[in-house]
PDB file of all heavy atoms in Angstrom:
ATOM      1  N   LYS A   1       1.898 -38.077 -46.741  1.00  0.00           N
ATOM      2  CA  LYS A   1       0.746 -37.383 -47.315  1.00  0.00           C
ATOM      3  C   LYS A   1      -0.123 -36.837 -46.189  1.00  0.00           C
ATOM      4  O   LYS A   1      -0.084 -37.352 -45.060  1.00  0.00           O
ATOM      5  CB  LYS A   1      -0.092 -38.372 -48.130  1.00  0.00           C
ATOM      6  CG  LYS A   1       0.684 -39.103 -49.226  1.00  0.00           C
ATOM      7  CD  LYS A   1      -0.206 -40.141 -49.903  1.00  0.00           C
ATOM      8  CE  LYS A   1       0.562 -40.902 -50.982  1.00  0.00           C
ATOM      9  NZ  LYS A   1      -0.295 -41.925 -51.646  1.00  0.00           N
ATOM     10  N   PRO A   2      -0.926 -35.831 -46.472  1.00  0.00           N
ATOM     11  CA  PRO A   2      -1.813 -35.298 -45.415  1.00  0.00           C
ATOM     12  C   PRO A   2      -2.706 -36.385 -44.801  1.00  0.00           C
ATOM     13  O   PRO A   2      -2.985 -36.327 -43.591  1.00  0.00           O
ATOM     14  CB  PRO A   2      -2.641 -34.251 -46.159  1.00  0.00           C
ATOM     15  CG  PRO A   2      -1.729 -33.787 -47.244  1.00  0.00           C
ATOM     16  CD  PRO A   2      -0.980 -35.003 -47.680  1.00  0.00           C
ATOM     17  N   GLU A   3      -3.108 -37.364 -45.574  1.00  0.00           N
ATOM     18  CA  GLU A   3      -3.964 -38.417 -45.035  1.00  0.00           C
ATOM     19  C   GLU A   3      -3.227 -39.372 -44.098  1.00  0.00           C
ATOM     20  O   GLU A   3      -3.849 -40.247 -43.484  1.00  0.00           O
ATOM     21  CB  GLU A   3      -4.617 -39.216 -46.160  1.00  0.00           C
ATOM     22  CG  GLU A   3      -3.665 -39.713 -47.235  1.00  0.00           C
ATOM     23  CD  GLU A   3      -3.615 -38.783 -48.445  1.00  0.00           C
ATOM     24  OE1 GLU A   3      -3.577 -37.548 -48.259  1.00  0.00           O
ATOM     25  OE2 GLU A   3      -3.583 -39.322 -49.580  1.00  0.00           O
ATOM     26  N   ASP A   4      -1.918 -39.218 -43.955  1.00  0.00           N
ATOM     27  CA  ASP A   4      -1.166 -39.989 -42.969  1.00  0.00           C
ATOM     28  C   ASP A   4      -1.242 -39.363 -41.584  1.00  0.00           C
ATOM     29  O   ASP A   4      -0.750 -39.943 -40.606  1.00  0.00           O
ATOM     30  CB  ASP A   4       0.307 -40.110 -43.375  1.00  0.00           C
ATOM     31  CG  ASP A   4       0.501 -40.912 -44.644  1.00  0.00           C
ATOM     32  OD1 ASP A   4      -0.156 -41.954 -44.809  1.00  0.00           O
ATOM     33  OD2 ASP A   4       1.319 -40.491 -45.486  1.00  0.00           O
ATOM     34  N   THR A   5      -1.837 -38.194 -41.489  1.00  0.00           N
ATOM     35  CA  THR A   5      -1.978 -37.516 -40.208  1.00  0.00           C
ATOM     36  C   THR A   5      -2.805 -38.336 -39.254  1.00  0.00           C
ATOM     37  O   THR A   5      -3.931 -38.735 -39.563  1.00  0.00           O
ATOM     38  CB  THR A   5      -2.621 -36.130 -40.406  1.00  0.00           C
ATOM     39  OG1 THR A   5      -1.731 -35.315 -41.193  1.00  0.00           O
ATOM     40  CG2 THR A   5      -2.869 -35.451 -39.070  1.00  0.00           C
ATOM     41  N   ALA A   6      -2.252 -38.611 -38.081  1.00  0.00           N
ATOM     42  CA  ALA A   6      -2.927 -39.442 -37.084  1.00  0.00           C
ATOM     43  C   ALA A   6      -2.034 -39.539 -35.853  1.00  0.00           C
ATOM     44  O   ALA A   6      -0.875 -39.137 -35.877  1.00  0.00           O
ATOM     45  CB  ALA A   6      -3.190 -40.847 -37.638  1.00  0.00           C
ATOM     46  N   VAL A   7      -2.587 -40.135 -34.805  1.00  0.00           N
ATOM     47  CA  VAL A   7      -1.775 -40.577 -33.677  1.00  0.00           C
ATOM     48  C   VAL A   7      -1.318 -41.999 -33.988  1.00  0.00           C
ATOM     49  O   VAL A   7      -2.130 -42.857 -34.336  1.00  0.00           O
ATOM     50  CB  VAL A   7      -2.558 -40.545 -32.360  1.00  0.00           C
ATOM     51  CG1 VAL A   7      -1.693 -41.058 -31.214  1.00  0.00           C
ATOM     52  CG2 VAL A   7      -3.043 -39.126 -32.059  1.00  0.00           C
ATOM     53  N   TYR A   8      -0.026 -42.214 -33.892  1.00  0.00           N
ATOM     54  CA  TYR A   8       0.559 -43.513 -34.205  1.00  0.00           C
ATOM     55  C   TYR A   8       0.907 -44.246 -32.905  1.00  0.00           C
ATOM     56  O   TYR A   8       1.543 -43.672 -32.007  1.00  0.00           O
ATOM     57  CB  TYR A   8       1.813 -43.347 -35.064  1.00  0.00           C
ATOM     58  CG  TYR A   8       1.484 -43.038 -36.504  1.00  0.00           C
ATOM     59  CD1 TYR A   8       0.946 -41.809 -36.868  1.00  0.00           C
ATOM     60  CD2 TYR A   8       1.689 -43.976 -37.512  1.00  0.00           C
ATOM     61  CE1 TYR A   8       0.608 -41.536 -38.194  1.00  0.00           C
ATOM     62  CE2 TYR A   8       1.366 -43.717 -38.834  1.00  0.00           C
ATOM     63  CZ  TYR A   8       0.831 -42.495 -39.169  1.00  0.00           C
ATOM     64  OH  TYR A   8       0.500 -42.214 -40.472  1.00  0.00           O
ATOM     65  N   TYR A   9       0.503 -45.497 -32.839  1.00  0.00           N
ATOM     66  CA  TYR A   9       0.731 -46.330 -31.677  1.00  0.00           C
ATOM     67  C   TYR A   9       1.547 -47.563 -32.050  1.00  0.00           C
ATOM     68  O   TYR A   9       1.345 -48.130 -33.130  1.00  0.00           O
ATOM     69  CB  TYR A   9      -0.594 -46.821 -31.095  1.00  0.00           C
ATOM     70  CG  TYR A   9      -1.554 -45.754 -30.672  1.00  0.00           C
ATOM     71  CD1 TYR A   9      -2.464 -45.200 -31.565  1.00  0.00           C
ATOM     72  CD2 TYR A   9      -1.580 -45.315 -29.345  1.00  0.00           C
ATOM     73  CE1 TYR A   9      -3.365 -44.237 -31.164  1.00  0.00           C
ATOM     74  CE2 TYR A   9      -2.473 -44.332 -28.938  1.00  0.00           C
ATOM     75  CZ  TYR A   9      -3.361 -43.804 -29.846  1.00  0.00           C
ATOM     76  OH  TYR A   9      -4.251 -42.837 -29.453  1.00  0.00           O
ATOM     77  N   CYS A  10       2.426 -47.975 -31.160  1.00  0.00           N
ATOM     78  CA  CYS A  10       3.025 -49.293 -31.342  1.00  0.00           C
ATOM     79  C   CYS A  10       2.415 -50.252 -30.320  1.00  0.00           C
ATOM     80  O   CYS A  10       1.927 -49.836 -29.273  1.00  0.00           O
ATOM     81  CB  CYS A  10       4.543 -49.268 -31.239  1.00  0.00           C
ATOM     82  SG  CYS A  10       5.216 -48.942 -29.607  1.00  0.00           S
ATOM     83  N   ALA A  11       2.427 -51.508 -30.693  1.00  0.00           N
ATOM     84  CA  ALA A  11       1.829 -52.539 -29.858  1.00  0.00           C
ATOM     85  C   ALA A  11       2.659 -53.804 -29.960  1.00  0.00           C
ATOM     86  O   ALA A  11       3.361 -54.016 -30.962  1.00  0.00           O
ATOM     87  CB  ALA A  11       0.398 -52.807 -30.286  1.00  0.00           C
ATOM     88  N   ALA A  12       2.570 -54.637 -28.954  1.00  0.00           N
ATOM     89  CA  ALA A  12       3.386 -55.855 -28.910  1.00  0.00           C
ATOM     90  C   ALA A  12       2.584 -57.012 -28.345  1.00  0.00           C
ATOM     91  O   ALA A  12       1.686 -56.827 -27.524  1.00  0.00           O
ATOM     92  CB  ALA A  12       4.632 -55.623 -28.053  1.00  0.00           C
ATOM     93  N   ASP A  13       2.941 -58.200 -28.778  1.00  0.00           N
ATOM     94  CA  ASP A  13       2.364 -59.406 -28.204  1.00  0.00           C
ATOM     95  C   ASP A  13       3.226 -60.600 -28.591  1.00  0.00           C
ATOM     96  O   ASP A  13       3.877 -60.587 -29.657  1.00  0.00           O
ATOM     97  CB  ASP A  13       0.912 -59.621 -28.671  1.00  0.00           C
ATOM     98  CG  ASP A  13       0.077 -60.334 -27.632  1.00  0.00           C
ATOM     99  OD1 ASP A  13       0.333 -61.522 -27.397  1.00  0.00           O
ATOM    100  OD2 ASP A  13      -0.817 -59.683 -27.032  1.00  0.00           O
ATOM    101  N   ARG A  14       3.210 -61.626 -27.749  1.00  0.00           N
ATOM    102  CA  ARG A  14       3.977 -62.826 -28.067  1.00  0.00           C
ATOM    103  C   ARG A  14       3.166 -63.827 -28.878  1.00  0.00           C
ATOM    104  O   ARG A  14       3.720 -64.727 -29.500  1.00  0.00           O
ATOM    105  CB  ARG A  14       4.470 -63.487 -26.790  1.00  0.00           C
ATOM    106  CG  ARG A  14       5.453 -62.626 -26.010  1.00  0.00           C
ATOM    107  CD  ARG A  14       6.082 -63.365 -24.852  1.00  0.00           C
ATOM    108  NE  ARG A  14       6.897 -64.494 -25.279  1.00  0.00           N
ATOM    109  CZ  ARG A  14       7.771 -65.108 -24.499  1.00  0.00           C
ATOM    110  NH1 ARG A  14       7.926 -64.715 -23.261  1.00  0.00           N
ATOM    111  NH2 ARG A  14       8.470 -66.141 -24.945  1.00  0.00           N
ATOM    112  N   HIS A  15       1.852 -63.646 -28.869  1.00  0.00           N
ATOM    113  CA  HIS A  15       0.983 -64.575 -29.580  1.00  0.00           C
ATOM    114  C   HIS A  15       0.127 -63.794 -30.555  1.00  0.00           C
ATOM    115  O   HIS A  15      -0.787 -63.064 -30.146  1.00  0.00           O
ATOM    116  CB  HIS A  15       0.103 -65.337 -28.570  1.00  0.00           C
ATOM    117  CG  HIS A  15      -0.792 -66.348 -29.188  1.00  0.00           C
ATOM    118  ND1 HIS A  15      -0.326 -67.410 -29.937  1.00  0.00           N
ATOM    119  CD2 HIS A  15      -2.140 -66.473 -29.182  1.00  0.00           C
ATOM    120  CE1 HIS A  15      -1.335 -68.135 -30.350  1.00  0.00           C
ATOM    121  NE2 HIS A  15      -2.451 -67.594 -29.911  1.00  0.00           N
ATOM    122  N   THR A  16       0.412 -63.936 -31.832  1.00  0.00           N
ATOM    123  CA  THR A  16      -0.245 -63.140 -32.870  1.00  0.00           C
ATOM    124  C   THR A  16      -0.737 -64.041 -33.989  1.00  0.00           C
ATOM    125  O   THR A  16      -0.161 -64.069 -35.091  1.00  0.00           O
ATOM    126  CB  THR A  16       0.691 -62.066 -33.420  1.00  0.00           C
ATOM    127  OG1 THR A  16       1.926 -62.694 -33.820  1.00  0.00           O
ATOM    128  CG2 THR A  16       0.991 -60.998 -32.374  1.00  0.00           C
ATOM    129  N   PRO A  17      -1.826 -64.762 -33.743  1.00  0.00           N
ATOM    130  CA  PRO A  17      -2.307 -65.713 -34.755  1.00  0.00           C
ATOM    131  C   PRO A  17      -2.721 -65.070 -36.062  1.00  0.00           C
ATOM    132  O   PRO A  17      -2.531 -65.660 -37.136  1.00  0.00           O
ATOM    133  CB  PRO A  17      -3.480 -66.405 -34.058  1.00  0.00           C
ATOM    134  CG  PRO A  17      -3.885 -65.472 -32.982  1.00  0.00           C
ATOM    135  CD  PRO A  17      -2.644 -64.793 -32.526  1.00  0.00           C
ATOM    136  N   LEU A  18      -3.275 -63.874 -36.017  1.00  0.00           N
ATOM    137  CA  LEU A  18      -3.725 -63.237 -37.262  1.00  0.00           C
ATOM    138  C   LEU A  18      -2.535 -62.837 -38.126  1.00  0.00           C
ATOM    139  O   LEU A  18      -2.626 -62.876 -39.360  1.00  0.00           O
ATOM    140  CB  LEU A  18      -4.584 -62.019 -36.938  1.00  0.00           C
ATOM    141  CG  LEU A  18      -5.913 -62.337 -36.243  1.00  0.00           C
ATOM    142  CD1 LEU A  18      -6.648 -61.057 -35.885  1.00  0.00           C
ATOM    143  CD2 LEU A  18      -6.784 -63.224 -37.114  1.00  0.00           C
ATOM    144  N   LEU A  19      -1.429 -62.472 -37.493  1.00  0.00           N
ATOM    145  CA  LEU A  19      -0.248 -62.102 -38.268  1.00  0.00           C
ATOM    146  C   LEU A  19       0.271 -63.278 -39.088  1.00  0.00           C
ATOM    147  O   LEU A  19       0.827 -63.086 -40.166  1.00  0.00           O
ATOM    148  CB  LEU A  19       0.837 -61.562 -37.332  1.00  0.00           C
ATOM    149  CG  LEU A  19       2.110 -61.023 -37.989  1.00  0.00           C
ATOM    150  CD1 LEU A  19       1.788 -59.957 -39.029  1.00  0.00           C
ATOM    151  CD2 LEU A  19       3.069 -60.486 -36.934  1.00  0.00           C
ATOM    152  N   GLN A  20       0.050 -64.477 -38.571  1.00  0.00           N
ATOM    153  CA  GLN A  20       0.464 -65.664 -39.324  1.00  0.00           C
ATOM    154  C   GLN A  20      -0.305 -65.774 -40.637  1.00  0.00           C
ATOM    155  O   GLN A  20       0.155 -66.424 -41.566  1.00  0.00           O
ATOM    156  CB  GLN A  20       0.266 -66.907 -38.478  1.00  0.00           C
ATOM    157  CG  GLN A  20       1.127 -66.930 -37.217  1.00  0.00           C
ATOM    158  CD  GLN A  20       0.873 -68.158 -36.382  1.00  0.00           C
ATOM    159  OE1 GLN A  20       0.663 -69.248 -36.902  1.00  0.00           O
ATOM    160  NE2 GLN A  20       0.901 -67.997 -35.069  1.00  0.00           N
ATOM    161  N   PHE A  21      -1.492 -65.145 -40.679  1.00  0.00           N
ATOM    162  CA  PHE A  21      -2.282 -65.103 -41.916  1.00  0.00           C
ATOM    163  C   PHE A  21      -2.092 -63.767 -42.629  1.00  0.00           C
ATOM    164  O   PHE A  21      -2.924 -63.377 -43.448  1.00  0.00           O
ATOM    165  CB  PHE A  21      -3.760 -65.350 -41.594  1.00  0.00           C
ATOM    166  CG  PHE A  21      -4.036 -66.744 -41.111  1.00  0.00           C
ATOM    167  CD1 PHE A  21      -4.070 -67.031 -39.764  1.00  0.00           C
ATOM    168  CD2 PHE A  21      -4.249 -67.769 -42.012  1.00  0.00           C
ATOM    169  CE1 PHE A  21      -4.318 -68.316 -39.305  1.00  0.00           C
ATOM    170  CE2 PHE A  21      -4.496 -69.059 -41.574  1.00  0.00           C
ATOM    171  CZ  PHE A  21      -4.525 -69.325 -40.215  1.00  0.00           C
ATOM    172  N   ARG A  22      -1.015 -63.069 -42.286  1.00  0.00           N
ATOM    173  CA  ARG A  22      -0.636 -61.813 -42.912  1.00  0.00           C
ATOM    174  C   ARG A  22      -1.711 -60.736 -42.717  1.00  0.00           C
ATOM    175  O   ARG A  22      -2.031 -59.974 -43.620  1.00  0.00           O
ATOM    176  CB  ARG A  22      -0.312 -62.010 -44.390  1.00  0.00           C
ATOM    177  CG  ARG A  22       0.853 -62.969 -44.622  1.00  0.00           C
ATOM    178  CD  ARG A  22       1.377 -62.909 -46.041  1.00  0.00           C
ATOM    179  NE  ARG A  22       1.933 -61.599 -46.340  1.00  0.00           N
ATOM    180  CZ  ARG A  22       3.128 -61.183 -45.967  1.00  0.00           C
ATOM    181  NH1 ARG A  22       3.910 -61.974 -45.258  1.00  0.00           N
ATOM    182  NH2 ARG A  22       3.552 -59.983 -46.320  1.00  0.00           N
ATOM    183  N   LEU A  23      -2.267 -60.717 -41.507  1.00  0.00           N
ATOM    184  CA  LEU A  23      -3.194 -59.665 -41.110  1.00  0.00           C
ATOM    185  C   LEU A  23      -2.561 -58.860 -39.983  1.00  0.00           C
ATOM    186  O   LEU A  23      -2.085 -59.430 -39.010  1.00  0.00           O
ATOM    187  CB  LEU A  23      -4.518 -60.266 -40.637  1.00  0.00           C
ATOM    188  CG  LEU A  23      -5.332 -61.001 -41.695  1.00  0.00           C
ATOM    189  CD1 LEU A  23      -6.535 -61.680 -41.049  1.00  0.00           C
ATOM    190  CD2 LEU A  23      -5.787 -60.056 -42.798  1.00  0.00           C
ATOM    191  N   CYS A  24      -2.572 -57.552 -40.149  1.00  0.00           N
ATOM    192  CA  CYS A  24      -2.029 -56.645 -39.124  1.00  0.00           C
ATOM    193  C   CYS A  24      -3.234 -56.058 -38.398  1.00  0.00           C
ATOM    194  O   CYS A  24      -3.804 -55.052 -38.832  1.00  0.00           O
ATOM    195  CB  CYS A  24      -1.186 -55.566 -39.810  1.00  0.00           C
ATOM    196  SG  CYS A  24      -0.339 -54.447 -38.704  1.00  0.00           S
ATOM    197  N   SER A  25      -3.639 -56.716 -37.313  1.00  0.00           N
ATOM    198  CA  SER A  25      -4.912 -56.390 -36.654  1.00  0.00           C
ATOM    199  C   SER A  25      -4.693 -56.029 -35.200  1.00  0.00           C
ATOM    200  O   SER A  25      -3.866 -56.624 -34.506  1.00  0.00           O
ATOM    201  CB  SER A  25      -5.842 -57.600 -36.744  1.00  0.00           C
ATOM    202  OG  SER A  25      -6.982 -57.414 -35.929  1.00  0.00           O
ATOM    203  N   THR A  26      -5.476 -55.059 -34.726  1.00  0.00           N
ATOM    204  CA  THR A  26      -5.411 -54.689 -33.310  1.00  0.00           C
ATOM    205  C   THR A  26      -5.774 -55.873 -32.419  1.00  0.00           C
ATOM    206  O   THR A  26      -5.330 -55.927 -31.264  1.00  0.00           O
ATOM    207  CB  THR A  26      -6.379 -53.536 -33.007  1.00  0.00           C
ATOM    208  OG1 THR A  26      -7.713 -53.914 -33.378  1.00  0.00           O
ATOM    209  CG2 THR A  26      -5.993 -52.283 -33.773  1.00  0.00           C
ATOM    210  N   ARG A  27      -6.536 -56.818 -32.931  1.00  0.00           N
ATOM    211  CA  ARG A  27      -6.989 -57.946 -32.105  1.00  0.00           C
ATOM    212  C   ARG A  27      -5.847 -58.860 -31.691  1.00  0.00           C
ATOM    213  O   ARG A  27      -5.995 -59.643 -30.754  1.00  0.00           O
ATOM    214  CB  ARG A  27      -8.043 -58.738 -32.865  1.00  0.00           C
ATOM    215  CG  ARG A  27      -9.370 -58.007 -33.034  1.00  0.00           C
ATOM    216  CD  ARG A  27     -10.370 -58.834 -33.794  1.00  0.00           C
ATOM    217  NE  ARG A  27     -10.015 -58.985 -35.199  1.00  0.00           N
ATOM    218  CZ  ARG A  27     -10.616 -59.824 -36.044  1.00  0.00           C
ATOM    219  NH1 ARG A  27     -11.589 -60.600 -35.601  1.00  0.00           N
ATOM    220  NH2 ARG A  27     -10.244 -59.877 -37.311  1.00  0.00           N
ATOM    221  N   ASP A  28      -4.717 -58.760 -32.361  1.00  0.00           N
ATOM    222  CA  ASP A  28      -3.569 -59.606 -32.020  1.00  0.00           C
ATOM    223  C   ASP A  28      -2.750 -59.067 -30.853  1.00  0.00           C
ATOM    224  O   ASP A  28      -1.941 -59.789 -30.304  1.00  0.00           O
ATOM    225  CB  ASP A  28      -2.639 -59.716 -33.231  1.00  0.00           C
ATOM    226  CG  ASP A  28      -2.770 -61.057 -33.967  1.00  0.00           C
ATOM    227  OD1 ASP A  28      -3.543 -61.924 -33.507  1.00  0.00           O
ATOM    228  OD2 ASP A  28      -2.084 -61.227 -34.989  1.00  0.00           O
ATOM    229  N   PHE A  29      -2.922 -57.807 -30.504  1.00  0.00           N
ATOM    230  CA  PHE A  29      -1.958 -57.131 -29.638  1.00  0.00           C
ATOM    231  C   PHE A  29      -2.547 -56.693 -28.319  1.00  0.00           C
ATOM    232  O   PHE A  29      -3.591 -56.041 -28.272  1.00  0.00           O
ATOM    233  CB  PHE A  29      -1.350 -55.922 -30.376  1.00  0.00           C
ATOM    234  CG  PHE A  29      -0.530 -56.337 -31.569  1.00  0.00           C
ATOM    235  CD1 PHE A  29      -1.112 -56.431 -32.817  1.00  0.00           C
ATOM    236  CD2 PHE A  29       0.803 -56.649 -31.427  1.00  0.00           C
ATOM    237  CE1 PHE A  29      -0.355 -56.829 -33.920  1.00  0.00           C
ATOM    238  CE2 PHE A  29       1.564 -57.043 -32.518  1.00  0.00           C
ATOM    239  CZ  PHE A  29       0.976 -57.129 -33.770  1.00  0.00           C
ATOM    240  N   GLY A  30      -1.840 -57.028 -27.235  1.00  0.00           N
ATOM    241  CA  GLY A  30      -2.344 -56.740 -25.904  1.00  0.00           C
ATOM    242  C   GLY A  30      -1.629 -55.615 -25.166  1.00  0.00           C
ATOM    243  O   GLY A  30      -2.189 -55.038 -24.229  1.00  0.00           O
ATOM    244  N   SER A  31      -0.418 -55.279 -25.589  1.00  0.00           N
ATOM    245  CA  SER A  31       0.332 -54.219 -24.922  1.00  0.00           C
ATOM    246  C   SER A  31       0.488 -53.043 -25.885  1.00  0.00           C
ATOM    247  O   SER A  31       0.935 -53.231 -27.012  1.00  0.00           O
ATOM    248  CB  SER A  31       1.704 -54.716 -24.501  1.00  0.00           C
ATOM    249  OG  SER A  31       1.592 -55.748 -23.542  1.00  0.00           O
ATOM    250  N   TRP A  32       0.170 -51.850 -25.402  1.00  0.00           N
ATOM    251  CA  TRP A  32       0.124 -50.664 -26.244  1.00  0.00           C
ATOM    252  C   TRP A  32       0.888 -49.519 -25.625  1.00  0.00           C
ATOM    253  O   TRP A  32       0.911 -49.355 -24.395  1.00  0.00           O
ATOM    254  CB  TRP A  32      -1.326 -50.221 -26.463  1.00  0.00           C
ATOM    255  CG  TRP A  32      -2.092 -51.186 -27.291  1.00  0.00           C
ATOM    256  CD1 TRP A  32      -2.682 -52.345 -26.883  1.00  0.00           C
ATOM    257  CD2 TRP A  32      -2.360 -51.084 -28.700  1.00  0.00           C
ATOM    258  NE1 TRP A  32      -3.290 -52.975 -27.947  1.00  0.00           N
ATOM    259  CE2 TRP A  32      -3.100 -52.215 -29.079  1.00  0.00           C
ATOM    260  CE3 TRP A  32      -2.017 -50.149 -29.679  1.00  0.00           C
ATOM    261  CZ2 TRP A  32      -3.526 -52.447 -30.385  1.00  0.00           C
ATOM    262  CZ3 TRP A  32      -2.436 -50.370 -30.978  1.00  0.00           C
ATOM    263  CH2 TRP A  32      -3.186 -51.498 -31.327  1.00  0.00           C
ATOM    264  N   GLY A  33       1.496 -48.701 -26.496  1.00  0.00           N
ATOM    265  CA  GLY A  33       2.091 -47.470 -26.047  1.00  0.00           C
ATOM    266  C   GLY A  33       1.061 -46.355 -25.993  1.00  0.00           C
ATOM    267  O   GLY A  33      -0.117 -46.564 -26.292  1.00  0.00           O
ATOM    268  N   GLN A  34       1.513 -45.168 -25.618  1.00  0.00           N
ATOM    269  CA  GLN A  34       0.605 -44.028 -25.453  1.00  0.00           C
ATOM    270  C   GLN A  34       0.366 -43.264 -26.748  1.00  0.00           C
ATOM    271  O   GLN A  34      -0.562 -42.446 -26.817  1.00  0.00           O
ATOM    272  CB  GLN A  34       1.162 -43.068 -24.399  1.00  0.00           C
ATOM    273  CG  GLN A  34       1.204 -43.662 -23.005  1.00  0.00           C
ATOM    274  CD  GLN A  34      -0.173 -44.060 -22.514  1.00  0.00           C
ATOM    275  OE1 GLN A  34      -1.105 -43.278 -22.502  1.00  0.00           O
ATOM    276  NE2 GLN A  34      -0.324 -45.331 -22.136  1.00  0.00           N
ATOM    277  N   GLY A  35       1.187 -43.500 -27.751  1.00  0.00           N
ATOM    278  CA  GLY A  35       0.990 -42.862 -29.042  1.00  0.00           C
ATOM    279  C   GLY A  35       1.842 -41.625 -29.246  1.00  0.00           C
ATOM    280  O   GLY A  35       2.270 -40.973 -28.288  1.00  0.00           O
ATOM    281  N   THR A  36       2.093 -41.320 -30.501  1.00  0.00           N
ATOM    282  CA  THR A  36       2.817 -40.114 -30.885  1.00  0.00           C
ATOM    283  C   THR A  36       2.116 -39.494 -32.086  1.00  0.00           C
ATOM    284  O   THR A  36       1.710 -40.187 -33.019  1.00  0.00           O
ATOM    285  CB  THR A  36       4.294 -40.435 -31.201  1.00  0.00           C
ATOM    286  OG1 THR A  36       5.007 -39.219 -31.472  1.00  0.00           O
ATOM    287  CG2 THR A  36       4.457 -41.358 -32.391  1.00  0.00           C
ATOM    288  N   GLN A  37       1.957 -38.182 -32.044  1.00  0.00           N
ATOM    289  CA  GLN A  37       1.202 -37.484 -33.080  1.00  0.00           C
ATOM    290  C   GLN A  37       2.072 -37.260 -34.312  1.00  0.00           C
ATOM    291  O   GLN A  37       3.204 -36.785 -34.209  1.00  0.00           O
ATOM    292  CB  GLN A  37       0.715 -36.138 -32.558  1.00  0.00           C
ATOM    293  CG  GLN A  37      -0.001 -35.273 -33.589  1.00  0.00           C
ATOM    294  CD  GLN A  37      -1.356 -35.819 -33.958  1.00  0.00           C
ATOM    295  OE1 GLN A  37      -2.157 -36.216 -33.098  1.00  0.00           O
ATOM    296  NE2 GLN A  37      -1.668 -35.850 -35.275  1.00  0.00           N
ATOM    297  N   VAL A  38       1.521 -37.569 -35.474  1.00  0.00           N
ATOM    298  CA  VAL A  38       2.146 -37.256 -36.752  1.00  0.00           C
ATOM    299  C   VAL A  38       1.190 -36.359 -37.524  1.00  0.00           C
ATOM    300  O   VAL A  38       0.032 -36.719 -37.735  1.00  0.00           O
ATOM    301  CB  VAL A  38       2.452 -38.531 -37.561  1.00  0.00           C
ATOM    302  CG1 VAL A  38       2.897 -38.176 -38.983  1.00  0.00           C
ATOM    303  CG2 VAL A  38       3.503 -39.372 -36.855  1.00  0.00           C
ATOM    304  N   THR A  39       1.674 -35.192 -37.909  1.00  0.00           N
ATOM    305  CA  THR A  39       0.863 -34.251 -38.666  1.00  0.00           C
ATOM    306  C   THR A  39       1.583 -33.916 -39.960  1.00  0.00           C
ATOM    307  O   THR A  39       2.736 -33.480 -39.937  1.00  0.00           O
ATOM    308  CB  THR A  39       0.611 -32.968 -37.871  1.00  0.00           C
ATOM    309  OG1 THR A  39      -0.042 -33.303 -36.638  1.00  0.00           O
ATOM    310  CG2 THR A  39      -0.282 -32.005 -38.652  1.00  0.00           C
ATOM    311  N   VAL A  40       0.902 -34.142 -41.067  1.00  0.00           N
ATOM    312  CA  VAL A  40       1.472 -33.852 -42.385  1.00  0.00           C
ATOM    313  C   VAL A  40       0.678 -32.695 -42.976  1.00  0.00           C
ATOM    314  O   VAL A  40      -0.488 -32.835 -43.332  1.00  0.00           O
ATOM    315  CB  VAL A  40       1.405 -35.082 -43.318  1.00  0.00           C
ATOM    316  CG1 VAL A  40       2.114 -34.770 -44.633  1.00  0.00           C
ATOM    317  CG2 VAL A  40       2.030 -36.292 -42.631  1.00  0.00           C
ATOM    318  N   SER A  41       1.335 -31.561 -43.067  1.00  0.00           N
ATOM    319  CA  SER A  41       0.643 -30.364 -43.507  1.00  0.00           C
ATOM    320  C   SER A  41       1.646 -29.347 -44.029  1.00  0.00           C
ATOM    321  O   SER A  41       2.773 -29.265 -43.541  1.00  0.00           O
ATOM    322  CB  SER A  41      -0.163 -29.765 -42.351  1.00  0.00           C
ATOM    323  OG  SER A  41      -0.744 -28.532 -42.728  1.00  0.00           O
ATOM    324  N   SER A  42       1.202 -28.570 -45.000  1.00  0.00           N
ATOM    325  CA  SER A  42       2.050 -27.489 -45.498  1.00  0.00           C
ATOM    326  C   SER A  42       1.729 -26.182 -44.791  1.00  0.00           C
ATOM    327  O   SER A  42       2.350 -25.155 -45.060  1.00  0.00           O
ATOM    328  CB  SER A  42       1.877 -27.339 -47.010  1.00  0.00           C
ATOM    329  OG  SER A  42       0.508 -27.141 -47.328  1.00  0.00           O
TER     330      SER A  42
END
């Protein structure tokens, strides 16, 4: 959808306490990629 338009980043960490509570939070992740642009438009 057009509202999916954004820069998408992946992140990694070995210790993700919030994920154990089924939260997908930036606070869990310490290593980040540079991002890739996704644009949804007609």
